[in-house]
Amino acid sequence: MSIPPFIKARFWEWKDRDGTSVPGVGLFRGVELKAHLTPAQARTLADKLHDMADRIESKEALCK
């Protein structure tokens, strides 16, 4: 059995080319940054993940 890929969340400050900083959450796979979320985006994603976990546990629907 193989180990599925996983992502770790860390506090992360994104800096664009102009040096503007955007505080938020970095999603990392190992040491590689895969995504940066603003606080609002992180909350939205967390809500969706929580809803999906609830559906899986209730066996309402898998992979819909």
N, C-alpha and C. Protein backbone atom coordinates (compact mmCIF):
# COMPACT_ATOMS: atom_id res chain seq x y z
N MET A 1 0.85 -1.19 0.00
CA MET A 1 0.00 0.00 0.00
C MET A 1 0.88 1.24 0.00
N SER A 2 0.60 2.15 -0.89
CA SER A 2 1.40 3.37 -0.96
C SER A 2 0.82 4.43 -0.03
N ILE A 3 1.65 5.40 0.30
CA ILE A 3 1.23 6.50 1.16
C ILE A 3 0.66 7.61 0.27
N PRO A 4 -0.58 8.04 0.52
CA PRO A 4 -1.16 9.09 -0.31
C PRO A 4 -0.45 10.43 -0.06
N PRO A 5 -0.45 11.30 -1.06
CA PRO A 5 0.16 12.61 -0.87
C PRO A 5 -0.61 13.41 0.18
N PHE A 6 0.09 14.26 0.88
CA PHE A 6 -0.57 15.10 1.86
C PHE A 6 0.03 16.50 1.84
N ILE A 7 -0.70 17.41 2.40
CA ILE A 7 -0.29 18.82 2.42
C ILE A 7 -0.30 19.29 3.86
N LYS A 8 0.67 20.11 4.20
CA LYS A 8 0.72 20.73 5.52
C LYS A 8 0.49 22.22 5.37
N ALA A 9 -0.25 22.77 6.31
CA ALA A 9 -0.53 24.21 6.31
C ALA A 9 0.44 24.91 7.27
N ARG A 10 0.93 26.06 6.83
CA ARG A 10 1.82 26.88 7.68
C ARG A 10 1.46 28.34 7.48
N PHE A 11 1.69 29.14 8.52
CA PHE A 11 1.55 30.59 8.35
C PHE A 11 2.55 30.99 7.27
N TRP A 12 2.10 31.81 6.32
CA TRP A 12 2.98 32.17 5.21
C TRP A 12 2.65 33.57 4.72
N GLU A 13 3.68 34.32 4.41
CA GLU A 13 3.51 35.67 3.87
C GLU A 13 3.98 35.66 2.43
N TRP A 14 3.02 35.84 1.52
CA TRP A 14 3.32 35.87 0.09
C TRP A 14 3.84 37.25 -0.26
N LYS A 15 4.91 37.30 -1.05
CA LYS A 15 5.45 38.58 -1.52
C LYS A 15 5.45 38.55 -3.04
N ASP A 16 4.80 39.58 -3.61
CA ASP A 16 4.76 39.62 -5.07
C ASP A 16 6.03 40.28 -5.61
N ARG A 17 6.10 40.45 -6.90
CA ARG A 17 7.30 41.00 -7.53
C ARG A 17 7.62 42.41 -7.07
N ASP A 18 6.58 43.16 -6.68
CA ASP A 18 6.78 44.53 -6.22
C ASP A 18 7.15 44.59 -4.75
N GLY A 19 7.17 43.43 -4.07
CA GLY A 19 7.51 43.38 -2.66
C GLY A 19 6.31 43.55 -1.73
N THR A 20 5.11 43.59 -2.30
CA THR A 20 3.90 43.70 -1.49
C THR A 20 3.66 42.37 -0.78
N SER A 21 3.44 42.45 0.54
CA SER A 21 3.23 41.25 1.34
C SER A 21 1.75 40.97 1.54
N VAL A 22 1.38 39.69 1.45
CA VAL A 22 0.01 39.26 1.70
C VAL A 22 0.08 38.15 2.74
N PRO A 23 -0.30 38.45 4.00
CA PRO A 23 -0.27 37.41 5.01
C PRO A 23 -1.35 36.38 4.76
N GLY A 24 -1.06 35.14 5.10
CA GLY A 24 -2.06 34.10 4.91
C GLY A 24 -1.56 32.74 5.30
N VAL A 25 -2.04 31.73 4.61
CA VAL A 25 -1.71 30.34 4.89
C VAL A 25 -1.04 29.75 3.65
N GLY A 26 0.11 29.15 3.85
CA GLY A 26 0.78 28.44 2.78
C GLY A 26 0.48 26.96 2.89
N LEU A 27 0.18 26.33 1.77
CA LEU A 27 -0.04 24.89 1.74
C LEU A 27 1.19 24.26 1.09
N PHE A 28 1.86 23.39 1.84
CA PHE A 28 3.13 22.83 1.41
C PHE A 28 3.05 21.33 1.25
N ARG A 29 3.74 20.83 0.26
CA ARG A 29 3.99 19.39 0.11
C ARG A 29 5.50 19.24 0.26
N GLY A 30 5.91 18.75 1.39
CA GLY A 30 7.33 18.74 1.72
C GLY A 30 7.77 20.17 1.94
N VAL A 31 8.81 20.59 1.22
CA VAL A 31 9.28 21.97 1.35
C VAL A 31 8.74 22.87 0.24
N GLU A 32 7.95 22.29 -0.67
CA GLU A 32 7.46 23.02 -1.84
C GLU A 32 6.10 23.66 -1.57
N LEU A 33 6.05 24.99 -1.76
CA LEU A 33 4.79 25.73 -1.63
C LEU A 33 3.88 25.36 -2.81
N LYS A 34 2.69 24.86 -2.50
CA LYS A 34 1.74 24.46 -3.54
C LYS A 34 0.63 25.48 -3.72
N ALA A 35 0.30 26.22 -2.65
CA ALA A 35 -0.75 27.23 -2.74
C ALA A 35 -0.61 28.21 -1.60
N HIS A 36 -1.08 29.42 -1.83
CA HIS A 36 -1.16 30.44 -0.79
C HIS A 36 -2.61 30.91 -0.72
N LEU A 37 -3.15 30.94 0.50
CA LEU A 37 -4.53 31.36 0.70
C LEU A 37 -4.59 32.57 1.62
N THR A 38 -5.42 33.52 1.25
CA THR A 38 -5.69 34.62 2.17
C THR A 38 -6.50 34.05 3.34
N PRO A 39 -6.62 34.78 4.44
CA PRO A 39 -7.45 34.27 5.53
C PRO A 39 -8.88 33.93 5.08
N ALA A 40 -9.47 34.76 4.25
CA ALA A 40 -10.83 34.49 3.77
C ALA A 40 -10.87 33.23 2.92
N GLN A 41 -9.90 33.04 2.05
CA GLN A 41 -9.85 31.84 1.22
C GLN A 41 -9.64 30.59 2.08
N ALA A 42 -8.80 30.72 3.11
CA ALA A 42 -8.54 29.58 4.00
C ALA A 42 -9.82 29.18 4.74
N ARG A 43 -10.59 30.16 5.21
CA ARG A 43 -11.85 29.86 5.89
C ARG A 43 -12.84 29.17 4.96
N THR A 44 -12.94 29.67 3.73
CA THR A 44 -13.85 29.08 2.75
C THR A 44 -13.46 27.64 2.46
N LEU A 45 -12.16 27.39 2.26
CA LEU A 45 -11.70 26.04 2.00
C LEU A 45 -11.93 25.14 3.21
N ALA A 46 -11.66 25.65 4.40
CA ALA A 46 -11.87 24.86 5.62
C ALA A 46 -13.34 24.46 5.76
N ASP A 47 -14.24 25.39 5.48
CA ASP A 47 -15.67 25.09 5.55
C ASP A 47 -16.05 23.99 4.56
N LYS A 48 -15.52 24.11 3.34
CA LYS A 48 -15.85 23.11 2.31
C LYS A 48 -15.29 21.74 2.69
N LEU A 49 -14.05 21.71 3.19
CA LEU A 49 -13.45 20.44 3.60
C LEU A 49 -14.24 19.82 4.75
N HIS A 50 -14.67 20.63 5.68
CA HIS A 50 -15.45 20.14 6.81
C HIS A 50 -16.78 19.55 6.34
N ASP A 51 -17.45 20.26 5.44
CA ASP A 51 -18.71 19.76 4.88
C ASP A 51 -18.51 18.44 4.14
N MET A 52 -17.42 18.34 3.38
CA MET A 52 -17.14 17.11 2.64
C MET A 52 -16.85 15.95 3.60
N ALA A 53 -16.11 16.22 4.66
CA ALA A 53 -15.82 15.17 5.66
C ALA A 53 -17.10 14.69 6.32
N ASP A 54 -18.00 15.63 6.63
CA ASP A 54 -19.29 15.25 7.21
C ASP A 54 -20.07 14.34 6.27
N ARG A 55 -20.06 14.68 4.96
CA ARG A 55 -20.78 13.86 3.99
C ARG A 55 -20.19 12.47 3.87
N ILE A 56 -18.88 12.37 3.91
CA ILE A 56 -18.22 11.06 3.83
C ILE A 56 -18.59 10.22 5.04
N GLU A 57 -18.52 10.83 6.21
CA GLU A 57 -18.84 10.10 7.44
C GLU A 57 -20.30 9.68 7.51
N SER A 58 -21.19 10.48 6.93
CA SER A 58 -22.60 10.13 6.94
C SER A 58 -22.97 9.22 5.79
N LYS A 59 -21.98 8.93 4.94
CA LYS A 59 -22.16 8.08 3.76
C LYS A 59 -23.23 8.63 2.81
N GLU A 60 -23.42 9.96 2.89
CA GLU A 60 -24.40 10.62 2.01
C GLU A 60 -24.00 10.48 0.55
N ALA A 61 -22.72 10.72 0.30
CA ALA A 61 -22.24 10.61 -1.08
C ALA A 61 -20.73 10.63 -1.08
N LEU A 62 -20.14 9.71 -1.81
CA LEU A 62 -18.69 9.70 -1.95
C LEU A 62 -18.32 10.20 -3.34
N CYS A 63 -17.35 11.09 -3.36
CA CYS A 63 -16.79 11.58 -4.61
C CYS A 63 -17.82 12.21 -5.54
N LYS A 64 -18.75 12.99 -4.99
CA LYS A 64 -19.71 13.70 -5.85
C LYS A 64 -19.24 15.08 -6.12
